[in-house]
Amino acid sequence: MMSLPCSLLVDHSSTHPDRFVALMSATKIQELNLEKNSTVQITGRDSKMVFCTLKESIQCSDKKILLNKLMRHNLGVLVNDPVMVGPCCNLQYAAQIDIAVNYTDALKGLNRNICKVLVNEYFAGKRIILCEGNKFIVRKGMKAVEFVVVRTDPTRPYCLVDTTKVSKVNYLTDVARYKPEEKRLSHISYEDIGGYVQQLQQLRELEFPLRLPSLFKQLKVANPHVIMHGPQGVGKLLLAKAYATETNAHFVLLNESMIKDVPIDIKIVRIRSKLEEAKKNSPSVVCFDGLHEIAPKTMIDPNQHKFLIKELVKMLKQMEQDKSCIVILIGITHLLSQVNTGVLHHFYSIKNDKDLTLSSNFDFNHLAAGTENYTGERLAALCKKVAWRVYKNKHEDSIGVEDEVSEVESFMNKVITLADFQDILHEMS
């Protein structure tokens, strides 16, 4: 039986980083009547297509498809975006293709002959299907060269490339003839993060307000702000940059070198300027790198310290109260004990979630018994974590919803049950 296209959510894959390979669960492959190691067609944003080899992964859920950064870039999608997956047919071999080097900094020392050698090595012995506009990466030693398919003949949307059957390959080393507007493939992504599986998963739970701002506003949950602390040089800033890249958010960096050893008034002006930039380019991620220097617990002059903290807290409150923008704060420090507690409170951003919809038979007595020794702050954190979990699960269940308005309406019909709280309590215990 012929399989039909199916909508799946994209997740990142660290395997086969420069190849056109997609990973799916064995159950989903069988359900869609596809075969392992077969070629499938994936359609992303604006009808962009990628053809790739399908492989099985025990780490992939039935609702997801694992794609590397190269394929996500070609499809114009981000992590957790939906894509259509189906079989491909009616393939034609390319008689001629035009290939260009994608960026000028990759041209140093390259000429047409070197390009030809690199491309021939890349295609040798492989069954690769490319569309006009597709990019691919060829690595030689420590060098990575990014190519783009400018044109194919025949001019179908896609064709099968086999260098033994392609009669002519044009290598356009003059990149001025083709200068794409998309972000460069070398931008930091989740695949560039080594290890930190648990930390990365926690950070990814904060993706939704940046990806679906209308749905986030309907949820009426406070902007999620987070602290990342640990020894110097372990990749905290890299995590923050990957988070901004994968959510397509504007990234604003304020580090300690920008405000260290400057007068208090200049320090405040620079902090305010960064926050205004974030609000202007919402949705945004503001990274306070070196929070212990930006908002220190103590200073030599207590009056200046009091003034600095007062102004900083005032700016943070104004930003939180501005409902027209979504700004996520990420504080980075290796000296958590040296951060002012008043400022630290805003990064945890614990709010009253009284607007959350509870089921009609919600048992408050049962919940109270399970949280007997909880402080008010810990209860608020629990409510927020439950709201995010319900939000995340509902979003995954909404695959195939075409527009954000419909997804908002779908989510608002969702109620929070006692079981949702019990799941989180079990994880926190």
Protein backbone atom coordinates (compact mmCIF):
# COMPACT_ATOMS: atom_id res chain seq x y z
CA MET A 1 0.00 0.00 0.00
CA MET A 2 1.29 3.45 -0.94
CA SER A 3 2.19 5.59 2.07
CA LEU A 4 0.79 9.10 2.42
CA PRO A 5 2.67 12.18 3.64
CA CYS A 6 2.60 12.52 7.42
CA SER A 7 3.28 15.53 9.66
CA LEU A 8 6.03 15.12 12.26
CA LEU A 9 7.84 17.49 14.61
CA VAL A 10 11.50 18.20 13.96
CA ASP A 11 14.15 17.43 16.55
CA HIS A 12 17.90 17.85 16.26
CA SER A 13 20.25 15.04 15.30
CA SER A 14 23.99 14.85 15.93
CA THR A 15 24.54 11.81 13.70
CA HIS A 16 25.55 12.19 10.04
CA PRO A 17 26.07 15.97 10.49
CA ASP A 18 26.87 16.75 6.84
CA ARG A 19 24.68 14.12 5.16
CA PHE A 20 21.09 13.99 3.98
CA VAL A 21 19.91 11.42 6.51
CA ALA A 22 16.67 11.45 8.55
CA LEU A 23 16.00 9.34 11.63
CA MET A 24 12.59 7.99 12.66
CA SER A 25 11.31 5.36 15.06
CA ALA A 26 10.80 1.82 13.74
CA THR A 27 7.12 2.02 14.70
CA LYS A 28 6.56 5.17 12.67
CA ILE A 29 8.46 3.84 9.67
CA GLN A 30 6.24 0.76 9.65
CA GLU A 31 3.08 2.81 10.24
CA LEU A 32 3.82 4.99 7.19
CA ASN A 33 4.64 1.95 5.03
CA LEU A 34 8.15 3.24 4.46
CA GLU A 35 11.33 1.20 4.37
CA LYS A 36 14.61 1.66 6.16
CA ASN A 37 17.41 3.00 3.93
CA SER A 38 14.85 4.17 1.37
CA THR A 39 14.70 7.71 0.02
CA VAL A 40 11.97 9.96 1.41
CA GLN A 41 10.78 13.45 0.61
CA ILE A 42 10.53 16.02 3.40
CA THR A 43 8.70 19.30 2.88
CA GLY A 44 9.28 22.24 5.18
CA ARG A 45 8.49 25.94 5.27
CA ASP A 46 7.48 27.69 2.02
CA SER A 47 7.36 24.30 0.24
CA LYS A 48 11.12 23.85 0.56
CA MET A 49 12.09 20.24 -0.06
CA VAL A 50 14.84 17.87 0.97
CA PHE A 51 15.32 14.28 -0.14
CA CYS A 52 17.21 12.01 2.19
CA THR A 53 17.94 8.47 3.29
CA LEU A 54 15.62 7.20 6.02
CA LYS A 55 17.19 5.37 8.94
CA GLU A 56 15.84 3.92 12.17
CA SER A 57 16.58 5.36 15.60
CA ILE A 58 15.62 3.92 18.98
CA GLN A 59 16.06 7.40 20.49
CA CYS A 60 13.35 8.99 18.32
CA SER A 61 9.74 9.19 19.51
CA ASP A 62 6.85 8.30 17.21
CA LYS A 63 5.87 11.97 16.89
CA LYS A 64 9.26 13.24 15.78
CA ILE A 65 11.82 13.08 13.02
CA LEU A 66 15.49 13.76 13.72
CA LEU A 67 17.20 16.09 11.24
CA ASN A 68 20.68 17.57 11.34
CA LYS A 69 21.43 21.29 11.08
CA LEU A 70 22.12 21.07 7.33
CA MET A 71 18.71 19.60 6.57
CA ARG A 72 16.83 21.96 8.90
CA HIS A 73 18.54 24.87 7.19
CA ASN A 74 17.57 23.63 3.72
CA LEU A 75 13.96 23.14 4.85
CA GLY A 76 13.78 26.54 6.54
CA VAL A 77 12.57 24.98 9.81
CA LEU A 78 13.59 25.07 13.45
CA VAL A 79 13.48 22.42 16.14
CA ASN A 80 9.83 21.56 16.97
CA ASP A 81 8.54 22.87 13.64
CA PRO A 82 6.26 20.47 11.71
CA VAL A 83 7.37 18.94 8.40
CA MET A 84 5.64 16.62 5.94
CA VAL A 85 7.30 13.25 5.32
CA GLY A 86 6.47 10.91 2.46
CA PRO A 87 7.95 8.67 -0.23
CA CYS A 88 9.56 10.05 -3.37
CA CYS A 89 9.08 8.85 -6.92
CA ASN A 90 9.60 9.82 -10.58
CA LEU A 91 13.24 10.73 -10.10
CA GLN A 92 15.29 12.02 -13.01
CA TYR A 93 19.06 12.16 -13.28
CA ALA A 94 20.55 15.62 -13.62
CA ALA A 95 22.13 16.33 -16.98
CA GLN A 96 23.66 19.58 -15.78
CA ILE A 97 23.96 21.37 -12.45
CA ASP A 98 25.34 24.77 -11.46
CA ILE A 99 27.06 24.82 -8.09
CA ALA A 100 28.41 27.86 -6.27
CA VAL A 101 30.56 28.32 -3.21
CA ASN A 102 28.20 29.90 -0.73
CA TYR A 103 30.31 32.46 1.15
CA THR A 104 33.35 34.54 0.37
CA ASP A 105 35.40 33.50 3.40
CA ALA A 106 35.37 29.93 2.05
CA LEU A 107 36.95 31.08 -1.22
CA LYS A 108 40.46 31.67 0.11
CA GLY A 109 42.76 29.40 -1.83
CA LEU A 110 39.90 27.81 -3.79
CA ASN A 111 39.65 27.61 -7.54
CA ARG A 112 37.44 25.81 -10.03
CA ASN A 113 39.64 22.68 -10.09
CA ILE A 114 39.71 22.38 -6.30
CA CYS A 115 35.93 22.81 -6.19
CA LYS A 116 35.54 20.06 -8.76
CA VAL A 117 37.67 17.65 -6.72
CA LEU A 118 35.77 18.42 -3.51
CA VAL A 119 32.33 18.03 -5.10
CA ASN A 120 33.25 14.82 -6.94
CA GLU A 121 34.50 13.29 -3.68
CA TYR A 122 31.27 14.31 -1.96
CA PHE A 123 29.00 12.70 -4.58
CA ALA A 124 31.18 9.64 -5.27
CA GLY A 125 29.29 6.41 -4.64
CA LYS A 126 26.29 8.17 -3.11
CA ARG A 127 22.68 8.48 -4.20
CA ILE A 128 21.96 12.15 -3.55
CA ILE A 129 18.88 14.08 -4.61
CA LEU A 130 19.18 17.85 -4.66
CA CYS A 131 16.82 20.74 -5.28
CA GLU A 132 17.65 24.22 -6.48
CA GLY A 133 18.70 26.23 -3.45
CA ASN A 134 19.86 23.19 -1.45
CA LYS A 135 23.13 23.65 0.40
CA PHE A 136 25.66 20.98 1.24
CA ILE A 137 28.97 20.96 3.10
CA VAL A 138 32.20 19.35 1.96
CA ARG A 139 34.97 18.91 4.51
CA LYS A 140 38.63 18.59 3.63
CA GLY A 141 40.93 18.31 6.60
CA MET A 142 40.09 21.15 8.98
CA LYS A 143 38.30 23.13 6.26
CA ALA A 144 34.53 23.08 5.68
CA VAL A 145 33.34 24.49 2.36
CA GLU A 146 29.68 25.32 1.90
CA PHE A 147 28.19 24.86 -1.58
CA VAL A 148 24.76 25.72 -2.96
CA VAL A 149 22.88 24.28 -5.94
CA VAL A 150 22.03 27.27 -8.14
CA ARG A 151 20.33 25.46 -11.04
CA THR A 152 19.58 21.96 -12.28
CA ASP A 153 18.79 20.62 -15.73
CA PRO A 154 16.17 19.25 -16.21
CA THR A 155 14.49 22.11 -14.35
CA ARG A 156 12.26 19.94 -12.20
CA PRO A 157 12.07 20.97 -8.56
CA TYR A 158 14.50 18.16 -7.83
CA CYS A 159 16.77 15.67 -9.56
CA LEU A 160 19.09 12.80 -8.75
CA VAL A 161 22.76 13.76 -8.85
CA ASP A 162 25.30 11.18 -9.97
CA THR A 163 28.63 12.62 -11.12
CA THR A 164 29.14 9.65 -13.44
CA LYS A 165 25.95 10.60 -15.31
CA VAL A 166 26.09 14.39 -15.08
CA SER A 167 27.46 15.65 -18.38
CA LYS A 168 28.35 19.11 -17.11
CA VAL A 169 28.95 20.69 -13.72
CA ASN A 170 29.45 24.46 -13.60
CA TYR A 171 31.40 25.69 -10.59
CA LEU A 172 30.51 29.31 -9.94
CA THR A 173 33.39 30.55 -7.79
CA ASP A 174 32.15 34.11 -8.20
CA VAL A 175 29.73 34.18 -5.27
CA ALA A 176 28.41 37.58 -6.33
CA ARG A 177 26.26 35.64 -8.82
CA TYR A 178 24.52 33.90 -5.96
CA LYS A 179 24.29 35.52 -2.55
CA PRO A 180 21.55 33.93 -0.40
CA GLU A 181 19.86 35.85 2.42
CA GLU A 182 19.58 32.92 4.82
CA LYS A 183 21.68 32.61 7.94
CA ARG A 184 24.95 30.84 7.57
CA LEU A 185 25.14 27.15 8.36
CA SER A 186 28.04 27.74 10.74
CA HIS A 187 25.75 29.42 13.29
CA ILE A 188 25.76 27.63 16.63
CA SER A 189 23.06 25.00 17.05
CA TYR A 190 22.17 22.25 19.50
CA GLU A 191 24.41 19.80 17.63
CA ASP A 192 27.41 21.95 18.56
CA ILE A 193 26.79 21.30 22.27
CA GLY A 194 28.80 18.36 23.55
CA GLY A 195 27.12 16.52 26.42
CA TYR A 196 24.89 18.47 28.84
CA VAL A 197 21.87 16.35 27.88
CA GLN A 198 19.89 17.20 31.02
CA GLN A 199 20.77 20.90 30.95
CA LEU A 200 19.92 21.14 27.26
CA GLN A 201 16.56 19.48 27.84
CA GLN A 202 15.75 21.93 30.63
CA LEU A 203 16.66 24.87 28.42
CA ARG A 204 14.59 23.54 25.52
CA GLU A 205 11.49 23.55 27.70
CA LEU A 206 11.69 27.36 27.43
CA GLU A 207 11.48 27.42 23.62
CA PHE A 208 7.73 27.85 23.28
CA PRO A 209 7.26 31.55 24.14
CA LEU A 210 9.75 32.49 21.44
CA ARG A 211 8.31 30.15 18.84
CA LEU A 212 4.59 30.75 19.48
CA PRO A 213 4.26 34.16 21.16
CA SER A 214 0.46 34.39 20.76
CA LEU A 215 -0.03 31.02 22.42
CA PHE A 216 2.35 32.02 25.19
CA LYS A 217 0.39 35.20 25.92
CA GLN A 218 -2.86 33.22 26.11
CA LEU A 219 -1.23 30.91 28.65
CA LYS A 220 -0.67 33.89 31.01
CA VAL A 221 2.47 32.40 32.49
CA ALA A 222 5.34 34.70 33.46
CA ASN A 223 8.28 35.07 31.10
CA PRO A 224 10.67 32.20 31.89
CA HIS A 225 14.05 33.47 33.06
CA VAL A 226 16.84 31.11 33.97
CA ILE A 227 20.20 31.04 35.71
CA MET A 228 23.07 28.94 34.35
CA HIS A 229 25.91 28.56 36.82
CA GLY A 230 29.02 26.43 36.88
CA PRO A 231 32.81 26.65 36.46
CA GLN A 232 34.30 28.95 33.85
CA GLY A 233 34.76 27.63 30.33
CA VAL A 234 32.22 24.79 30.42
CA GLY A 235 29.97 26.15 27.62
CA LYS A 236 27.25 28.15 29.38
CA LEU A 237 27.37 30.98 26.82
CA LEU A 238 27.44 28.44 23.98
CA LEU A 239 24.20 26.93 25.33
CA ALA A 240 22.55 30.37 25.39
CA LYS A 241 23.62 31.15 21.81
CA ALA A 242 22.36 27.78 20.54
CA TYR A 243 19.03 28.39 22.29
CA ALA A 244 18.64 31.76 20.54
CA THR A 245 19.63 30.31 17.16
CA GLU A 246 17.25 27.35 17.35
CA THR A 247 14.30 29.59 18.33
CA ASN A 248 15.16 32.23 15.72
CA ALA A 249 15.24 34.84 18.48
CA HIS A 250 17.22 38.06 18.52
CA PHE A 251 20.28 37.54 20.73
CA VAL A 252 21.49 40.33 23.01
CA LEU A 253 24.71 39.86 24.96
CA LEU A 254 25.70 41.92 27.97
CA ASN A 255 28.93 40.71 29.52
CA GLU A 256 30.94 41.91 32.46
CA SER A 257 33.60 43.57 30.28
CA MET A 258 30.99 46.06 29.04
CA ILE A 259 30.23 47.38 32.50
CA LYS A 260 33.33 46.60 34.55
CA ASP A 261 35.36 49.53 35.93
CA VAL A 262 32.96 52.17 34.57
CA PRO A 263 30.95 54.78 36.53
CA ILE A 264 27.57 53.66 37.85
CA ASP A 265 25.60 55.99 35.56
CA ILE A 266 27.36 54.65 32.44
CA LYS A 267 26.83 51.07 33.65
CA ILE A 268 23.08 51.70 34.04
CA VAL A 269 22.86 53.34 30.60
CA ARG A 270 24.53 50.34 28.95
CA ILE A 271 22.27 47.84 30.72
CA ARG A 272 19.17 49.85 29.79
CA SER A 273 20.35 50.07 26.18
CA LYS A 274 20.64 46.28 25.93
CA LEU A 275 17.18 45.73 27.42
CA GLU A 276 15.67 48.29 25.04
CA GLU A 277 17.34 46.54 22.12
CA ALA A 278 15.78 43.27 23.26
CA LYS A 279 12.29 44.76 23.54
CA LYS A 280 12.61 46.47 20.17
CA ASN A 281 13.58 43.18 18.49
CA SER A 282 11.16 40.92 20.39
CA PRO A 283 11.07 37.97 20.70
CA SER A 284 14.57 38.17 22.13
CA VAL A 285 17.02 36.44 24.40
CA VAL A 286 19.10 38.63 26.72
CA CYS A 287 22.19 36.95 28.08
CA PHE A 288 23.75 38.51 31.18
CA ASP A 289 27.19 36.90 31.06
CA GLY A 290 28.89 37.50 34.39
CA LEU A 291 25.80 38.29 36.44
CA HIS A 292 27.92 38.54 39.60
CA GLU A 293 29.60 41.63 38.07
CA ILE A 294 26.43 43.10 36.56
CA ALA A 295 24.43 42.72 39.79
CA PRO A 296 26.97 42.16 42.58
CA LYS A 297 25.97 41.26 46.09
CA THR A 298 28.23 43.95 47.56
CA MET A 299 30.26 46.97 46.42
CA ILE A 300 32.84 49.19 48.08
CA ASP A 301 30.44 52.15 48.08
CA PRO A 302 27.13 50.98 49.65
CA ASN A 303 25.23 54.02 48.30
CA GLN A 304 26.30 53.32 44.73
CA HIS A 305 25.46 49.65 45.19
CA LYS A 306 21.99 50.47 46.47
CA PHE A 307 21.39 52.83 43.54
CA LEU A 308 22.60 50.26 40.97
CA ILE A 309 20.42 47.45 42.29
CA LYS A 310 17.40 49.75 42.60
CA GLU A 311 17.72 50.87 38.96
CA LEU A 312 18.37 47.34 37.69
CA VAL A 313 15.35 45.91 39.51
CA LYS A 314 13.25 48.79 38.19
CA MET A 315 14.31 48.01 34.61
CA LEU A 316 13.55 44.31 35.04
CA LYS A 317 10.09 45.06 36.46
CA GLN A 318 9.30 47.42 33.58
CA MET A 319 10.33 44.76 31.10
CA GLU A 320 8.18 42.12 32.79
CA GLN A 321 5.15 44.43 32.80
CA ASP A 322 5.50 45.20 29.09
CA LYS A 323 2.97 42.81 27.52
CA SER A 324 3.85 43.89 23.97
CA CYS A 325 7.13 41.97 23.93
CA ILE A 326 8.57 38.60 24.90
CA VAL A 327 12.08 38.70 26.30
CA ILE A 328 13.80 35.74 27.92
CA LEU A 329 16.57 36.50 30.39
CA ILE A 330 19.48 34.10 30.82
CA GLY A 331 21.88 34.85 33.64
CA ILE A 332 25.32 33.27 33.49
CA THR A 333 27.72 33.16 36.41
CA HIS A 334 30.41 31.04 38.01
CA LEU A 335 29.88 32.82 41.34
CA LEU A 336 26.21 32.35 42.12
CA SER A 337 26.69 33.26 45.78
CA GLN A 338 27.98 36.70 44.73
CA VAL A 339 24.80 37.68 42.82
CA ASN A 340 22.40 40.11 44.50
CA THR A 341 19.39 38.15 45.75
CA GLY A 342 16.92 40.88 44.73
CA VAL A 343 18.04 40.64 41.11
CA LEU A 344 18.29 36.86 41.27
CA HIS A 345 14.60 36.68 42.18
CA HIS A 346 13.66 38.26 38.84
CA PHE A 347 15.61 35.65 36.91
CA TYR A 348 13.56 32.91 38.53
CA SER A 349 10.50 35.06 37.72
CA ILE A 350 8.06 33.26 40.03
CA LYS A 351 4.56 34.61 39.53
CA ASN A 352 1.02 33.80 40.65
CA ASP A 353 -0.49 31.41 38.09
CA LYS A 354 -4.10 31.99 39.18
CA ASP A 355 -5.24 32.23 35.54
CA LEU A 356 -4.45 28.58 34.81
CA THR A 357 -7.53 26.48 34.08
CA LEU A 358 -7.99 23.54 36.48
CA SER A 359 -10.25 20.55 35.96
CA SER A 360 -13.68 20.80 37.62
CA ASN A 361 -12.93 17.86 39.96
CA PHE A 362 -9.47 19.06 40.98
CA ASP A 363 -8.67 17.73 44.48
CA PHE A 364 -6.90 20.53 46.36
CA ASN A 365 -6.82 18.49 49.58
CA HIS A 366 -4.89 15.71 47.86
CA LEU A 367 -2.43 18.22 46.43
CA ALA A 368 -2.03 19.90 49.82
CA ALA A 369 -1.21 16.55 51.43
CA GLY A 370 1.51 15.92 48.87
CA THR A 371 3.07 19.37 49.34
CA GLU A 372 2.80 19.67 53.11
CA ASN A 373 6.28 21.09 53.73
CA TYR A 374 6.44 23.27 50.61
CA THR A 375 7.09 27.00 50.98
CA GLY A 376 5.04 29.50 48.98
CA GLU A 377 7.97 30.04 46.65
CA ARG A 378 8.34 26.32 46.01
CA LEU A 379 4.60 25.96 45.38
CA ALA A 380 4.74 28.79 42.84
CA ALA A 381 7.66 27.08 41.11
CA LEU A 382 5.65 23.83 41.03
CA CYS A 383 2.66 25.57 39.41
CA LYS A 384 4.89 27.13 36.79
CA LYS A 385 6.59 23.82 35.96
CA VAL A 386 3.21 22.09 35.60
CA ALA A 387 1.98 24.85 33.29
CA TRP A 388 5.04 24.49 31.09
CA ARG A 389 4.71 20.71 30.94
CA VAL A 390 1.03 20.91 29.93
CA TYR A 391 1.94 23.60 27.41
CA LYS A 392 4.68 21.42 25.92
CA ASN A 393 2.52 18.27 25.71
CA LYS A 394 -0.37 20.16 24.17
CA HIS A 395 1.91 21.66 21.54
CA GLU A 396 3.20 18.21 20.58
CA ASP A 397 -0.38 16.96 20.32
CA SER A 398 -1.24 19.82 17.95
CA ILE A 399 0.80 18.55 15.00
CA GLY A 400 -0.99 19.47 11.81
CA VAL A 401 -2.69 22.59 13.15
CA GLU A 402 -2.14 24.99 10.30
CA ASP A 403 -2.22 28.36 12.03
CA GLU A 404 -1.32 29.82 15.39
CA VAL A 405 -4.86 31.06 16.09
CA SER A 406 -6.26 27.53 15.81
CA GLU A 407 -3.51 26.24 18.09
CA VAL A 408 -4.34 28.90 20.68
CA GLU A 409 -8.01 27.90 20.62
CA SER A 410 -7.02 24.25 20.88
CA PHE A 411 -4.79 24.90 23.86
CA MET A 412 -7.32 27.04 25.75
CA ASN A 413 -9.63 24.02 25.90
CA LYS A 414 -6.95 22.14 27.84
CA VAL A 415 -7.36 21.92 31.62
CA ILE A 416 -4.76 21.01 34.23
CA THR A 417 -5.48 17.90 36.29
CA LEU A 418 -4.16 16.54 39.56
CA ALA A 419 -2.25 13.92 37.57
CA ASP A 420 -0.24 16.71 35.92
CA PHE A 421 0.87 17.89 39.36
CA GLN A 422 1.62 14.35 40.52
CA ASP A 423 3.90 13.74 37.53
CA ILE A 424 5.97 16.83 38.32
CA LEU A 425 6.03 16.06 42.05
CA HIS A 426 7.39 12.61 41.26
CA GLU A 427 10.18 14.15 39.15
CA MET A 428 11.03 16.70 41.86
CA SER A 429 11.17 14.10 44.65
